[in-house]
């Protein structure tokens, strides 16, 4: 059986931390930034973690499970 390929879109969007959690970036920070408050843009800058309900699906896309 051939090796499972990683989804290119997933490998660009997600990174694994040292403890095995999955890091992600926030959406809505790429354009139309003038109407968004400074506070909102600052909060979107920091990376977040993937919710545990989505974790198994993303690990499959990354060919890790």
PDB file of N, CA and C in Angstrom:
ATOM      1  N   UNK A   1       0.847  -1.185   0.000  1.00  0.00           N
ATOM      2  CA  UNK A   1       0.000   0.000   0.000  1.00  0.00           C
ATOM      3  C   UNK A   1       0.892   1.248   0.000  1.00  0.00           C
ATOM      4  N   UNK A   2       0.572   2.245  -0.827  1.00  0.00           N
ATOM      5  CA  UNK A   2       1.416   3.444  -0.880  1.00  0.00           C
ATOM      6  C   UNK A   2       1.254   4.311   0.369  1.00  0.00           C
ATOM      7  N   UNK A   3       2.218   5.200   0.530  1.00  0.00           N
ATOM      8  CA  UNK A   3       2.163   6.119   1.654  1.00  0.00           C
ATOM      9  C   UNK A   3       0.976   7.063   1.507  1.00  0.00           C
ATOM     10  N   UNK A   4       0.435   7.501   2.665  1.00  0.00           N
ATOM     11  CA  UNK A   4      -0.652   8.481   2.634  1.00  0.00           C
ATOM     12  C   UNK A   4      -0.071   9.865   2.412  1.00  0.00           C
ATOM     13  N   UNK A   5      -0.662  10.619   1.522  1.00  0.00           N
ATOM     14  CA  UNK A   5      -0.177  11.970   1.263  1.00  0.00           C
ATOM     15  C   UNK A   5      -0.790  12.962   2.242  1.00  0.00           C
ATOM     16  N   UNK A   6      -0.020  13.976   2.574  1.00  0.00           N
ATOM     17  CA  UNK A   6      -0.496  15.069   3.420  1.00  0.00           C
ATOM     18  C   UNK A   6      -1.288  16.037   2.549  1.00  0.00           C
ATOM     19  N   UNK A   7      -2.388  16.557   3.078  1.00  0.00           N
ATOM     20  CA  UNK A   7      -3.135  17.600   2.367  1.00  0.00           C
ATOM     21  C   UNK A   7      -2.299  18.873   2.384  1.00  0.00           C
ATOM     22  N   UNK A   8      -2.013  19.419   1.201  1.00  0.00           N
ATOM     23  CA  UNK A   8      -1.175  20.619   1.111  1.00  0.00           C
ATOM     24  C   UNK A   8      -1.800  21.796   1.844  1.00  0.00           C
ATOM     25  N   UNK A   9      -3.115  21.918   1.767  1.00  0.00           N
ATOM     26  CA  UNK A   9      -3.774  23.039   2.431  1.00  0.00           C
ATOM     27  C   UNK A   9      -3.628  22.941   3.945  1.00  0.00           C
ATOM     28  N   UNK A  10      -3.666  21.728   4.473  1.00  0.00           N
ATOM     29  CA  UNK A  10      -3.550  21.539   5.931  1.00  0.00           C
ATOM     30  C   UNK A  10      -2.135  21.812   6.415  1.00  0.00           C
ATOM     31  N   UNK A  11      -1.138  21.389   5.649  1.00  0.00           N
ATOM     32  CA  UNK A  11       0.236  21.598   6.114  1.00  0.00           C
ATOM     33  C   UNK A  11       0.622  23.068   6.097  1.00  0.00           C
ATOM     34  N   UNK A  12      -0.071  23.874   5.268  1.00  0.00           N
ATOM     35  CA  UNK A  12       0.186  25.309   5.237  1.00  0.00           C
ATOM     36  C   UNK A  12      -0.511  26.038   6.391  1.00  0.00           C
ATOM     37  N   UNK A  13      -1.601  25.462   6.893  1.00  0.00           N
ATOM     38  CA  UNK A  13      -2.415  26.158   7.894  1.00  0.00           C
ATOM     39  C   UNK A  13      -2.136  25.759   9.340  1.00  0.00           C
ATOM     40  N   UNK A  14      -1.638  24.550   9.566  1.00  0.00           N
ATOM     41  CA  UNK A  14      -1.502  24.035  10.931  1.00  0.00           C
ATOM     42  C   UNK A  14      -0.075  23.626  11.240  1.00  0.00           C
ATOM     43  N   UNK A  15       0.310  23.784  12.528  1.00  0.00           N
ATOM     44  CA  UNK A  15       1.625  23.349  13.015  1.00  0.00           C
ATOM     45  C   UNK A  15       1.405  22.598  14.325  1.00  0.00           C
ATOM     46  N   UNK A  16       2.205  21.568  14.558  1.00  0.00           N
ATOM     47  CA  UNK A  16       2.133  20.834  15.814  1.00  0.00           C
ATOM     48  C   UNK A  16       3.050  21.479  16.846  1.00  0.00           C
ATOM     49  N   UNK A  17       2.573  21.548  18.089  1.00  0.00           N
ATOM     50  CA  UNK A  17       3.410  22.052  19.175  1.00  0.00           C
ATOM     51  C   UNK A  17       4.208  20.883  19.744  1.00  0.00           C
ATOM     52  N   UNK A  18       5.100  21.175  20.648  1.00  0.00           N
ATOM     53  CA  UNK A  18       5.910  20.138  21.265  1.00  0.00           C
ATOM     54  C   UNK A  18       5.102  19.156  22.092  1.00  0.00           C
ATOM     55  N   UNK A  19       3.980  19.607  22.636  1.00  0.00           N
ATOM     56  CA  UNK A  19       3.135  18.736  23.460  1.00  0.00           C
ATOM     57  C   UNK A  19       2.073  18.007  22.644  1.00  0.00           C
ATOM     58  N   UNK A  20       2.062  18.226  21.313  1.00  0.00           N
ATOM     59  CA  UNK A  20       1.129  17.506  20.458  1.00  0.00           C
ATOM     60  C   UNK A  20      -0.158  18.243  20.149  1.00  0.00           C
ATOM     61  N   UNK A  21      -0.282  19.474  20.615  1.00  0.00           N
ATOM     62  CA  UNK A  21      -1.459  20.269  20.274  1.00  0.00           C
ATOM     63  C   UNK A  21      -1.267  20.855  18.878  1.00  0.00           C
ATOM     64  N   UNK A  22      -2.350  21.315  18.276  1.00  0.00           N
ATOM     65  CA  UNK A  22      -2.275  21.863  16.923  1.00  0.00           C
ATOM     66  C   UNK A  22      -2.528  23.360  16.962  1.00  0.00           C
ATOM     67  N   UNK A  23      -1.552  24.130  16.454  1.00  0.00           N
ATOM     68  CA  UNK A  23      -1.659  25.584  16.407  1.00  0.00           C
ATOM     69  C   UNK A  23      -2.323  26.009  15.111  1.00  0.00           C
ATOM     70  N   UNK A  24      -3.077  27.112  15.174  1.00  0.00           N
ATOM     71  CA  UNK A  24      -3.724  27.665  13.990  1.00  0.00           C
ATOM     72  C   UNK A  24      -3.708  29.171  14.071  1.00  0.00           C
ATOM     73  N   UNK A  25      -3.892  29.810  12.929  1.00  0.00           N
ATOM     74  CA  UNK A  25      -4.001  31.265  12.910  1.00  0.00           C
ATOM     75  C   UNK A  25      -5.475  31.644  12.865  1.00  0.00           C
ATOM     76  N   UNK A  26      -5.762  32.855  13.295  1.00  0.00           N
ATOM     77  CA  UNK A  26      -7.135  33.357  13.263  1.00  0.00           C
ATOM     78  C   UNK A  26      -7.494  33.851  11.870  1.00  0.00           C
ATOM     79  N   UNK A  27      -8.749  33.737  11.535  1.00  0.00           N
ATOM     80  CA  UNK A  27      -9.250  34.244  10.262  1.00  0.00           C
ATOM     81  C   UNK A  27      -9.571  35.735  10.388  1.00  0.00           C
ATOM     82  N   UNK A  28      -9.936  36.361   9.296  1.00  0.00           N
ATOM     83  CA  UNK A  28     -10.394  37.764   9.237  1.00  0.00           C
ATOM     84  C   UNK A  28      -9.285  38.776   9.546  1.00  0.00           C
ATOM     85  N   UNK A  29      -8.053  38.472   9.221  1.00  0.00           N
ATOM     86  CA  UNK A  29      -6.958  39.406   9.482  1.00  0.00           C
ATOM     87  C   UNK A  29      -6.200  39.748   8.198  1.00  0.00           C
ATOM     88  N   UNK A  30      -6.770  39.430   7.022  1.00  0.00           N
ATOM     89  CA  UNK A  30      -6.007  39.630   5.792  1.00  0.00           C
ATOM     90  C   UNK A  30      -6.350  40.916   5.043  1.00  0.00           C
ATOM     91  N   UNK A  31      -7.597  41.334   5.045  1.00  0.00           N
ATOM     92  CA  UNK A  31      -7.972  42.557   4.319  1.00  0.00           C
ATOM     93  C   UNK A  31      -9.207  43.175   4.949  1.00  0.00           C
ATOM     94  N   UNK A  32      -9.579  44.353   4.464  1.00  0.00           N
ATOM     95  CA  UNK A  32     -10.670  45.167   5.045  1.00  0.00           C
ATOM     96  C   UNK A  32     -10.400  45.397   6.535  1.00  0.00           C
ATOM     97  N   UNK A  33      -9.230  45.938   6.830  1.00  0.00           N
ATOM     98  CA  UNK A  33      -8.830  46.119   8.219  1.00  0.00           C
ATOM     99  C   UNK A  33      -9.184  47.497   8.773  1.00  0.00           C
ATOM    100  N   UNK A  34      -9.598  48.420   7.904  1.00  0.00           N
ATOM    101  CA  UNK A  34      -9.856  49.783   8.376  1.00  0.00           C
ATOM    102  C   UNK A  34     -11.072  49.870   9.288  1.00  0.00           C
ATOM    103  N   UNK A  35     -12.064  49.041   9.061  1.00  0.00           N
ATOM    104  CA  UNK A  35     -13.281  49.111   9.881  1.00  0.00           C
ATOM    105  C   UNK A  35     -13.178  48.271  11.159  1.00  0.00           C
ATOM    106  N   UNK A  36     -12.107  47.503  11.303  1.00  0.00           N
ATOM    107  CA  UNK A  36     -11.930  46.686  12.497  1.00  0.00           C
ATOM    108  C   UNK A  36     -11.129  47.473  13.541  1.00  0.00           C
ATOM    109  N   UNK A  37     -11.531  47.308  14.797  1.00  0.00           N
ATOM    110  CA  UNK A  37     -10.861  48.066  15.861  1.00  0.00           C
ATOM    111  C   UNK A  37      -9.449  47.532  16.101  1.00  0.00           C
ATOM    112  N   UNK A  38      -8.639  48.363  16.710  1.00  0.00           N
ATOM    113  CA  UNK A  38      -7.254  47.991  17.009  1.00  0.00           C
ATOM    114  C   UNK A  38      -7.225  46.786  17.954  1.00  0.00           C
ATOM    115  N   UNK A  39      -8.125  46.789  18.909  1.00  0.00           N
ATOM    116  CA  UNK A  39      -8.217  45.697  19.884  1.00  0.00           C
ATOM    117  C   UNK A  39      -8.551  44.375  19.188  1.00  0.00           C
ATOM    118  N   UNK A  40      -9.499  44.436  18.264  1.00  0.00           N
ATOM    119  CA  UNK A  40      -9.917  43.229  17.532  1.00  0.00           C
ATOM    120  C   UNK A  40      -8.787  42.681  16.663  1.00  0.00           C
ATOM    121  N   UNK A  41      -8.072  43.576  15.978  1.00  0.00           N
ATOM    122  CA  UNK A  41      -6.967  43.155  15.114  1.00  0.00           C
ATOM    123  C   UNK A  41      -5.824  42.569  15.933  1.00  0.00           C
ATOM    124  N   UNK A  42      -5.582  43.137  17.109  1.00  0.00           N
ATOM    125  CA  UNK A  42      -4.527  42.636  17.980  1.00  0.00           C
ATOM    126  C   UNK A  42      -4.839  41.222  18.461  1.00  0.00           C
ATOM    127  N   UNK A  43      -6.103  40.981  18.808  1.00  0.00           N
ATOM    128  CA  UNK A  43      -6.506  39.648  19.262  1.00  0.00           C
ATOM    129  C   UNK A  43      -6.413  38.620  18.139  1.00  0.00           C
ATOM    130  N   UNK A  44      -6.659  39.049  16.909  1.00  0.00           N
ATOM    131  CA  UNK A  44      -6.577  38.133  15.768  1.00  0.00           C
ATOM    132  C   UNK A  44      -5.133  37.812  15.384  1.00  0.00           C
ATOM    133  N   UNK A  45      -4.187  38.641  15.849  1.00  0.00           N
ATOM    134  CA  UNK A  45      -2.780  38.437  15.515  1.00  0.00           C
ATOM    135  C   UNK A  45      -2.217  37.179  16.167  1.00  0.00           C
ATOM    136  N   UNK A  46      -2.611  36.922  17.408  1.00  0.00           N
ATOM    137  CA  UNK A  46      -2.040  35.810  18.154  1.00  0.00           C
ATOM    138  C   UNK A  46      -2.613  34.473  17.687  1.00  0.00           C
ATOM    139  N   UNK A  47      -1.756  33.469  17.653  1.00  0.00           N
ATOM    140  CA  UNK A  47      -2.182  32.135  17.221  1.00  0.00           C
ATOM    141  C   UNK A  47      -3.064  31.497  18.285  1.00  0.00           C
ATOM    142  N   UNK A  48      -3.941  30.613  17.846  1.00  0.00           N
ATOM    143  CA  UNK A  48      -4.806  29.892  18.768  1.00  0.00           C
ATOM    144  C   UNK A  48      -4.579  28.400  18.622  1.00  0.00           C
ATOM    145  N   UNK A  49      -5.325  27.615  19.372  1.00  0.00           N
ATOM    146  CA  UNK A  49      -5.233  26.165  19.291  1.00  0.00           C
ATOM    147  C   UNK A  49      -6.515  25.614  18.683  1.00  0.00           C
ATOM    148  N   UNK A  50      -6.384  24.490  18.017  1.00  0.00           N
ATOM    149  CA  UNK A  50      -7.532  23.833  17.392  1.00  0.00           C
ATOM    150  C   UNK A  50      -8.368  23.171  18.481  1.00  0.00           C
ATOM    151  N   UNK A  51      -9.674  23.232  18.354  1.00  0.00           N
ATOM    152  CA  UNK A  51     -10.588  22.628  19.316  1.00  0.00           C
ATOM    153  C   UNK A  51     -10.467  21.104  19.242  1.00  0.00           C
ATOM    154  N   UNK A  52     -10.683  20.429  20.373  1.00  0.00           N
ATOM    155  CA  UNK A  52     -10.487  18.979  20.414  1.00  0.00           C
ATOM    156  C   UNK A  52     -11.462  18.224  19.502  1.00  0.00           C
ATOM    157  N   UNK A  53     -12.617  18.825  19.189  1.00  0.00           N
ATOM    158  CA  UNK A  53     -13.576  18.182  18.299  1.00  0.00           C
ATOM    159  C   UNK A  53     -13.049  18.116  16.861  1.00  0.00           C
ATOM    160  N   UNK A  54     -12.200  19.062  16.486  1.00  0.00           N
ATOM    161  CA  UNK A  54     -11.655  19.099  15.125  1.00  0.00           C
ATOM    162  C   UNK A  54     -10.293  18.427  15.020  1.00  0.00           C
ATOM    163  N   UNK A  55      -9.716  18.074  16.149  1.00  0.00           N
ATOM    164  CA  UNK A  55      -8.342  17.579  16.189  1.00  0.00           C
ATOM    165  C   UNK A  55      -8.114  16.323  15.350  1.00  0.00           C
ATOM    166  N   UNK A  56      -8.983  15.313  15.495  1.00  0.00           N
ATOM    167  CA  UNK A  56      -8.773  14.047  14.778  1.00  0.00           C
ATOM    168  C   UNK A  56      -8.870  14.237  13.268  1.00  0.00           C
ATOM    169  N   UNK A  57      -9.768  15.113  12.825  1.00  0.00           N
ATOM    170  CA  UNK A  57      -9.939  15.387  11.399  1.00  0.00           C
ATOM    171  C   UNK A  57      -8.678  16.026  10.811  1.00  0.00           C
ATOM    172  N   UNK A  58      -8.082  16.944  11.545  1.00  0.00           N
ATOM    173  CA  UNK A  58      -6.885  17.632  11.064  1.00  0.00           C
ATOM    174  C   UNK A  58      -5.685  16.691  11.070  1.00  0.00           C
ATOM    175  N   UNK A  59      -5.587  15.841  12.081  1.00  0.00           N
ATOM    176  CA  UNK A  59      -4.493  14.870  12.135  1.00  0.00           C
ATOM    177  C   UNK A  59      -4.560  13.905  10.949  1.00  0.00           C
ATOM    178  N   UNK A  60      -5.776  13.550  10.519  1.00  0.00           N
ATOM    179  CA  UNK A  60      -5.927  12.701   9.329  1.00  0.00           C
ATOM    180  C   UNK A  60      -5.425  13.430   8.088  1.00  0.00           C
ATOM    181  N   UNK A  61      -5.751  14.711   7.988  1.00  0.00           N
ATOM    182  CA  UNK A  61      -5.315  15.495   6.827  1.00  0.00           C
ATOM    183  C   UNK A  61      -3.802  15.651   6.800  1.00  0.00           C
ATOM    184  N   UNK A  62      -3.195  15.698   7.985  1.00  0.00           N
ATOM    185  CA  UNK A  62      -1.744  15.811   8.067  1.00  0.00           C
ATOM    186  C   UNK A  62      -1.063  14.443   7.965  1.00  0.00           C
ATOM    187  N   UNK A  63      -1.862  13.393   7.759  1.00  0.00           N
ATOM    188  CA  UNK A  63      -1.382  12.008   7.639  1.00  0.00           C
ATOM    189  C   UNK A  63      -0.599  11.570   8.866  1.00  0.00           C
ATOM    190  N   UNK A  64      -1.077  11.964  10.045  1.00  0.00           N
ATOM    191  CA  UNK A  64      -0.419  11.601  11.293  1.00  0.00           C
ATOM    192  C   UNK A  64      -1.219  10.576  12.087  1.00  0.00           C
ATOM    193  N   UNK A  65      -2.406  10.230  11.589  1.00  0.00           N
ATOM    194  CA  UNK A  65      -3.244   9.297  12.337  1.00  0.00           C
ATOM    195  C   UNK A  65      -3.725   8.186  11.441  1.00  0.00           C
TER     196      UNK A  65
END
